[in-house]
Amino acid sequence: MANNAYKLAIVGTKDQILGFTALGMTAIAVNDFETAREKILDLASRNTEGEEGETRREYAIVFVMEEYARQLTKEDYKKINKEALPAVIPIPGIKGSTGYGLERVKKMVEQAVGSDIFG
């Protein structure tokens, strides 16, 4: 019997992500951008079997610390966004927000609805 629940993951340094395991998230600790990039692309491409036997993405959301998300290239995002899932969401690290995460989410929403609803 297939598990129908999507998973959540977070990619960042160990001290940034450790607490997220208590929420049931897959926590991927990395120390540099290249490792983070590899892990993000891997998580974004993982498939699993759905309830009806169909193949679907394993992860619904992959949270990525802003310091790594902002280094992803347009080509990386094209690979990640081949399918509707997972959504790769940048989040602030320990040092606080750089504004990149909010800007990225704003662009994603604008693409989805066709206009800037954040004004």
N, C-alpha and C. Protein backbone atom coordinates (compact mmCIF):
# COMPACT_ATOMS: atom_id res chain seq x y z
N MET A 1 0.83 -1.18 0.00
CA MET A 1 0.00 0.00 0.00
C MET A 1 0.88 1.24 0.00
N ALA A 2 0.60 2.17 -0.88
CA ALA A 2 1.40 3.38 -1.04
C ALA A 2 1.03 4.42 0.00
N ASN A 3 2.02 5.22 0.37
CA ASN A 3 1.79 6.33 1.28
C ASN A 3 1.37 7.53 0.46
N ASN A 4 0.23 8.11 0.75
CA ASN A 4 -0.30 9.21 -0.05
C ASN A 4 0.16 10.58 0.44
N ALA A 5 0.85 10.65 1.57
CA ALA A 5 1.26 11.93 2.14
C ALA A 5 2.52 12.46 1.46
N TYR A 6 2.50 13.74 1.12
CA TYR A 6 3.70 14.39 0.62
C TYR A 6 4.62 14.68 1.79
N LYS A 7 5.90 14.81 1.50
CA LYS A 7 6.89 15.12 2.52
C LYS A 7 7.33 16.57 2.40
N LEU A 8 7.89 17.07 3.50
CA LEU A 8 8.50 18.39 3.56
C LEU A 8 9.97 18.22 3.87
N ALA A 9 10.81 19.07 3.28
CA ALA A 9 12.24 19.01 3.55
C ALA A 9 12.78 20.42 3.79
N ILE A 10 13.93 20.47 4.43
CA ILE A 10 14.63 21.74 4.64
C ILE A 10 16.12 21.51 4.41
N VAL A 11 16.75 22.47 3.72
CA VAL A 11 18.17 22.39 3.42
C VAL A 11 18.85 23.63 4.01
N GLY A 12 19.88 23.39 4.81
CA GLY A 12 20.63 24.48 5.42
C GLY A 12 21.73 23.92 6.29
N THR A 13 22.40 24.80 7.01
CA THR A 13 23.45 24.33 7.91
C THR A 13 22.81 23.62 9.10
N LYS A 14 23.58 22.75 9.72
CA LYS A 14 23.06 21.92 10.81
C LYS A 14 22.40 22.74 11.91
N ASP A 15 23.04 23.82 12.32
CA ASP A 15 22.49 24.64 13.41
C ASP A 15 21.21 25.36 13.00
N GLN A 16 21.01 25.57 11.71
CA GLN A 16 19.80 26.26 11.23
C GLN A 16 18.61 25.32 11.11
N ILE A 17 18.84 24.06 10.85
CA ILE A 17 17.74 23.15 10.49
C ILE A 17 17.40 22.10 11.53
N LEU A 18 18.24 21.92 12.52
CA LEU A 18 18.07 20.84 13.48
C LEU A 18 16.68 20.79 14.10
N GLY A 19 16.14 21.92 14.48
CA GLY A 19 14.83 21.95 15.13
C GLY A 19 13.67 21.53 14.24
N PHE A 20 13.86 21.60 12.93
CA PHE A 20 12.79 21.26 12.01
C PHE A 20 12.48 19.76 11.97
N THR A 21 13.43 18.94 12.42
CA THR A 21 13.17 17.49 12.45
C THR A 21 12.04 17.17 13.43
N ALA A 22 11.88 17.99 14.47
CA ALA A 22 10.81 17.79 15.45
C ALA A 22 9.44 17.99 14.81
N LEU A 23 9.40 18.69 13.69
CA LEU A 23 8.15 18.90 12.96
C LEU A 23 7.89 17.82 11.92
N GLY A 24 8.78 16.83 11.87
CA GLY A 24 8.61 15.73 10.93
C GLY A 24 9.19 15.99 9.56
N MET A 25 9.97 17.05 9.43
CA MET A 25 10.56 17.38 8.14
C MET A 25 11.85 16.61 7.93
N THR A 26 12.17 16.35 6.66
CA THR A 26 13.46 15.78 6.30
C THR A 26 14.46 16.92 6.34
N ALA A 27 15.44 16.84 7.23
CA ALA A 27 16.43 17.90 7.38
C ALA A 27 17.74 17.47 6.72
N ILE A 28 18.19 18.28 5.77
CA ILE A 28 19.42 17.99 5.03
C ILE A 28 20.46 19.04 5.43
N ALA A 29 21.47 18.62 6.18
CA ALA A 29 22.52 19.54 6.62
C ALA A 29 23.61 19.63 5.55
N VAL A 30 23.96 20.86 5.21
CA VAL A 30 25.02 21.12 4.23
C VAL A 30 25.94 22.21 4.78
N ASN A 31 27.15 22.27 4.21
CA ASN A 31 28.11 23.27 4.66
C ASN A 31 28.55 24.22 3.56
N ASP A 32 28.12 23.95 2.32
CA ASP A 32 28.53 24.81 1.21
C ASP A 32 27.46 24.79 0.13
N PHE A 33 27.54 25.76 -0.77
CA PHE A 33 26.52 25.91 -1.80
C PHE A 33 26.46 24.72 -2.75
N GLU A 34 27.58 24.21 -3.19
CA GLU A 34 27.56 23.10 -4.17
C GLU A 34 26.84 21.88 -3.61
N THR A 35 27.08 21.56 -2.35
CA THR A 35 26.38 20.44 -1.71
C THR A 35 24.90 20.77 -1.59
N ALA A 36 24.58 22.00 -1.20
CA ALA A 36 23.18 22.42 -1.09
C ALA A 36 22.48 22.28 -2.43
N ARG A 37 23.12 22.74 -3.49
CA ARG A 37 22.55 22.67 -4.84
C ARG A 37 22.26 21.23 -5.22
N GLU A 38 23.22 20.34 -5.01
CA GLU A 38 23.03 18.91 -5.32
C GLU A 38 21.83 18.34 -4.57
N LYS A 39 21.74 18.65 -3.27
CA LYS A 39 20.65 18.12 -2.44
C LYS A 39 19.30 18.68 -2.87
N ILE A 40 19.25 19.97 -3.20
CA ILE A 40 18.00 20.61 -3.63
C ILE A 40 17.51 19.97 -4.93
N LEU A 41 18.41 19.82 -5.90
CA LEU A 41 18.04 19.21 -7.18
C LEU A 41 17.60 17.76 -6.99
N ASP A 42 18.27 17.04 -6.09
CA ASP A 42 17.88 15.66 -5.81
C ASP A 42 16.48 15.60 -5.20
N LEU A 43 16.23 16.41 -4.18
CA LEU A 43 14.92 16.42 -3.52
C LEU A 43 13.81 16.81 -4.51
N ALA A 44 14.11 17.75 -5.39
CA ALA A 44 13.12 18.23 -6.35
C ALA A 44 12.77 17.19 -7.41
N SER A 45 13.64 16.21 -7.60
CA SER A 45 13.40 15.22 -8.65
C SER A 45 12.93 13.86 -8.11
N ARG A 46 12.86 13.71 -6.82
CA ARG A 46 12.47 12.41 -6.23
C ARG A 46 10.99 12.12 -6.48
N ASN A 47 10.73 10.89 -6.87
CA ASN A 47 9.36 10.43 -7.09
C ASN A 47 9.01 9.34 -6.10
N THR A 48 7.72 9.13 -5.93
CA THR A 48 7.21 8.05 -5.09
C THR A 48 5.92 7.55 -5.73
N GLU A 49 5.43 6.45 -5.25
CA GLU A 49 4.18 5.90 -5.78
C GLU A 49 3.01 6.42 -4.96
N GLY A 50 2.02 6.96 -5.64
CA GLY A 50 0.83 7.48 -4.99
C GLY A 50 -0.15 6.37 -4.64
N GLU A 51 -1.26 6.75 -4.05
CA GLU A 51 -2.27 5.81 -3.59
C GLU A 51 -2.85 4.97 -4.72
N GLU A 52 -3.02 5.55 -5.88
CA GLU A 52 -3.61 4.84 -7.02
C GLU A 52 -2.54 4.17 -7.89
N GLY A 53 -1.31 4.13 -7.39
CA GLY A 53 -0.24 3.49 -8.14
C GLY A 53 0.46 4.43 -9.13
N GLU A 54 0.03 5.69 -9.16
CA GLU A 54 0.66 6.65 -10.06
C GLU A 54 1.97 7.15 -9.46
N THR A 55 2.86 7.59 -10.32
CA THR A 55 4.12 8.18 -9.88
C THR A 55 3.91 9.67 -9.68
N ARG A 56 4.37 10.17 -8.56
CA ARG A 56 4.25 11.59 -8.27
C ARG A 56 5.48 12.02 -7.48
N ARG A 57 5.65 13.33 -7.35
CA ARG A 57 6.78 13.86 -6.60
C ARG A 57 6.65 13.46 -5.13
N GLU A 58 7.78 13.17 -4.51
CA GLU A 58 7.81 12.76 -3.12
C GLU A 58 7.65 13.95 -2.17
N TYR A 59 8.25 15.08 -2.54
CA TYR A 59 8.23 16.26 -1.68
C TYR A 59 7.30 17.33 -2.23
N ALA A 60 6.49 17.92 -1.36
CA ALA A 60 5.61 19.01 -1.75
C ALA A 60 6.32 20.35 -1.62
N ILE A 61 7.10 20.49 -0.56
CA ILE A 61 7.81 21.74 -0.30
C ILE A 61 9.23 21.42 0.16
N VAL A 62 10.18 22.15 -0.42
CA VAL A 62 11.57 22.10 0.03
C VAL A 62 11.94 23.52 0.46
N PHE A 63 12.12 23.70 1.76
CA PHE A 63 12.55 24.99 2.28
C PHE A 63 14.07 25.05 2.18
N VAL A 64 14.59 26.19 1.76
CA VAL A 64 16.03 26.35 1.58
C VAL A 64 16.45 27.66 2.24
N MET A 65 17.50 27.62 3.03
CA MET A 65 18.00 28.84 3.64
C MET A 65 18.38 29.84 2.54
N GLU A 66 18.03 31.10 2.75
CA GLU A 66 18.24 32.14 1.75
C GLU A 66 19.66 32.19 1.22
N GLU A 67 20.63 31.97 2.09
CA GLU A 67 22.02 32.07 1.66
C GLU A 67 22.35 31.08 0.54
N TYR A 68 21.65 29.95 0.50
CA TYR A 68 21.86 28.97 -0.57
C TYR A 68 20.88 29.20 -1.73
N ALA A 69 19.65 29.51 -1.41
CA ALA A 69 18.64 29.71 -2.45
C ALA A 69 19.01 30.84 -3.40
N ARG A 70 19.58 31.89 -2.89
CA ARG A 70 19.91 33.03 -3.73
C ARG A 70 21.05 32.74 -4.70
N GLN A 71 21.79 31.66 -4.48
CA GLN A 71 22.89 31.29 -5.38
C GLN A 71 22.45 30.36 -6.50
N LEU A 72 21.21 29.84 -6.41
CA LEU A 72 20.71 28.98 -7.48
C LEU A 72 20.57 29.80 -8.76
N THR A 73 20.92 29.20 -9.89
CA THR A 73 20.85 29.91 -11.17
C THR A 73 19.47 29.74 -11.79
N LYS A 74 19.22 30.50 -12.85
CA LYS A 74 17.96 30.34 -13.59
C LYS A 74 17.85 28.93 -14.13
N GLU A 75 18.96 28.34 -14.56
CA GLU A 75 18.96 26.96 -15.06
C GLU A 75 18.58 25.98 -13.95
N ASP A 76 19.08 26.22 -12.75
CA ASP A 76 18.70 25.37 -11.60
C ASP A 76 17.20 25.44 -11.37
N TYR A 77 16.65 26.67 -11.38
CA TYR A 77 15.22 26.83 -11.15
C TYR A 77 14.40 26.21 -12.27
N LYS A 78 14.91 26.20 -13.50
CA LYS A 78 14.20 25.54 -14.60
C LYS A 78 14.11 24.04 -14.35
N LYS A 79 15.19 23.45 -13.86
CA LYS A 79 15.19 22.01 -13.54
C LYS A 79 14.22 21.73 -12.40
N ILE A 80 14.23 22.58 -11.40
CA ILE A 80 13.37 22.40 -10.23
C ILE A 80 11.90 22.55 -10.60
N ASN A 81 11.60 23.50 -11.47
CA ASN A 81 10.22 23.84 -11.80
C ASN A 81 9.65 23.07 -12.99
N LYS A 82 10.26 21.96 -13.38
CA LYS A 82 9.72 21.15 -14.47
C LYS A 82 8.32 20.66 -14.14
N GLU A 83 8.07 20.43 -12.88
CA GLU A 83 6.77 19.95 -12.40
C GLU A 83 6.22 20.98 -11.40
N ALA A 84 4.95 20.86 -11.09
CA ALA A 84 4.34 21.79 -10.14
C ALA A 84 4.93 21.63 -8.74
N LEU A 85 5.30 20.43 -8.39
CA LEU A 85 5.90 20.16 -7.08
C LEU A 85 7.31 19.65 -7.27
N PRO A 86 8.16 19.92 -6.33
CA PRO A 86 7.91 20.64 -5.09
C PRO A 86 8.07 22.15 -5.28
N ALA A 87 7.49 22.88 -4.35
CA ALA A 87 7.74 24.32 -4.28
C ALA A 87 9.02 24.48 -3.48
N VAL A 88 9.97 25.21 -4.03
CA VAL A 88 11.22 25.49 -3.32
C VAL A 88 11.09 26.90 -2.74
N ILE A 89 11.05 26.97 -1.42
CA ILE A 89 10.76 28.21 -0.71
C ILE A 89 11.99 28.65 0.10
N PRO A 90 12.56 29.80 -0.24
CA PRO A 90 13.68 30.33 0.55
C PRO A 90 13.17 30.87 1.89
N ILE A 91 13.90 30.58 2.95
CA ILE A 91 13.55 31.11 4.27
C ILE A 91 14.79 31.72 4.91
N PRO A 92 14.60 32.70 5.79
CA PRO A 92 15.74 33.36 6.43
C PRO A 92 16.53 32.41 7.31
N GLY A 93 17.81 32.67 7.40
CA GLY A 93 18.67 31.90 8.29
C GLY A 93 18.77 32.57 9.65
N ILE A 94 19.74 32.17 10.42
CA ILE A 94 19.94 32.67 11.77
C ILE A 94 20.22 34.17 11.78
N LYS A 95 20.90 34.67 10.75
CA LYS A 95 21.28 36.08 10.69
C LYS A 95 20.11 36.99 10.29
N GLY A 96 18.97 36.41 9.97
CA GLY A 96 17.81 37.20 9.59
C GLY A 96 17.60 37.23 8.09
N SER A 97 16.55 37.88 7.67
CA SER A 97 16.16 37.91 6.27
C SER A 97 17.00 38.89 5.45
N THR A 98 17.33 38.46 4.24
CA THR A 98 17.99 39.34 3.29
C THR A 98 16.97 39.96 2.35
N GLY A 99 15.72 39.49 2.43
CA GLY A 99 14.67 39.95 1.54
C GLY A 99 14.51 39.07 0.31
N TYR A 100 15.47 38.18 0.08
CA TYR A 100 15.43 37.33 -1.10
C TYR A 100 14.24 36.38 -1.06
N GLY A 101 13.97 35.78 0.08
CA GLY A 101 12.87 34.82 0.19
C GLY A 101 11.54 35.44 -0.16
N LEU A 102 11.27 36.61 0.39
CA LEU A 102 10.02 37.30 0.11
C LEU A 102 9.92 37.67 -1.37
N GLU A 103 11.01 38.14 -1.94
CA GLU A 103 11.03 38.51 -3.36
C GLU A 103 10.78 37.29 -4.24
N ARG A 104 11.37 36.16 -3.89
CA ARG A 104 11.18 34.92 -4.66
C ARG A 104 9.73 34.44 -4.58
N VAL A 105 9.15 34.45 -3.38
CA VAL A 105 7.76 34.04 -3.21
C VAL A 105 6.85 34.99 -3.98
N LYS A 106 7.15 36.27 -3.95
CA LYS A 106 6.37 37.27 -4.67
C LYS A 106 6.36 36.95 -6.17
N LYS A 107 7.53 36.60 -6.72
CA LYS A 107 7.63 36.25 -8.14
C LYS A 107 6.84 34.98 -8.45
N MET A 108 6.90 33.99 -7.55
CA MET A 108 6.17 32.75 -7.76
C MET A 108 4.66 33.00 -7.80
N VAL A 109 4.17 33.82 -6.87
CA VAL A 109 2.75 34.14 -6.81
C VAL A 109 2.34 34.91 -8.06
N GLU A 110 3.18 35.85 -8.47
CA GLU A 110 2.88 36.64 -9.67
C GLU A 110 2.77 35.74 -10.91
N GLN A 111 3.65 34.76 -11.02
CA GLN A 111 3.57 33.82 -12.14
C GLN A 111 2.29 32.99 -12.07
N ALA A 112 1.92 32.60 -10.86
CA ALA A 112 0.76 31.73 -10.69
C ALA A 112 -0.56 32.44 -10.97
N VAL A 113 -0.69 33.68 -10.50
CA VAL A 113 -1.97 34.39 -10.65
C VAL A 113 -1.97 35.43 -11.76
N GLY A 114 -0.80 35.74 -12.28
CA GLY A 114 -0.73 36.66 -13.41
C GLY A 114 -0.60 38.13 -13.08
N SER A 115 -0.53 38.47 -11.79
CA SER A 115 -0.32 39.87 -11.41
C SER A 115 0.31 39.93 -10.03
N ASP A 116 0.85 41.10 -9.71
CA ASP A 116 1.49 41.31 -8.42
C ASP A 116 0.43 41.65 -7.38
N ILE A 117 0.03 40.66 -6.59
CA ILE A 117 -1.01 40.89 -5.59
C ILE A 117 -0.46 41.48 -4.28
N PHE A 118 0.88 41.55 -4.19
CA PHE A 118 1.49 42.14 -2.99
C PHE A 118 1.59 43.65 -3.09
N GLY A 119 1.38 44.18 -4.31
CA GLY A 119 1.36 45.62 -4.52
C GLY A 119 2.70 46.21 -4.43
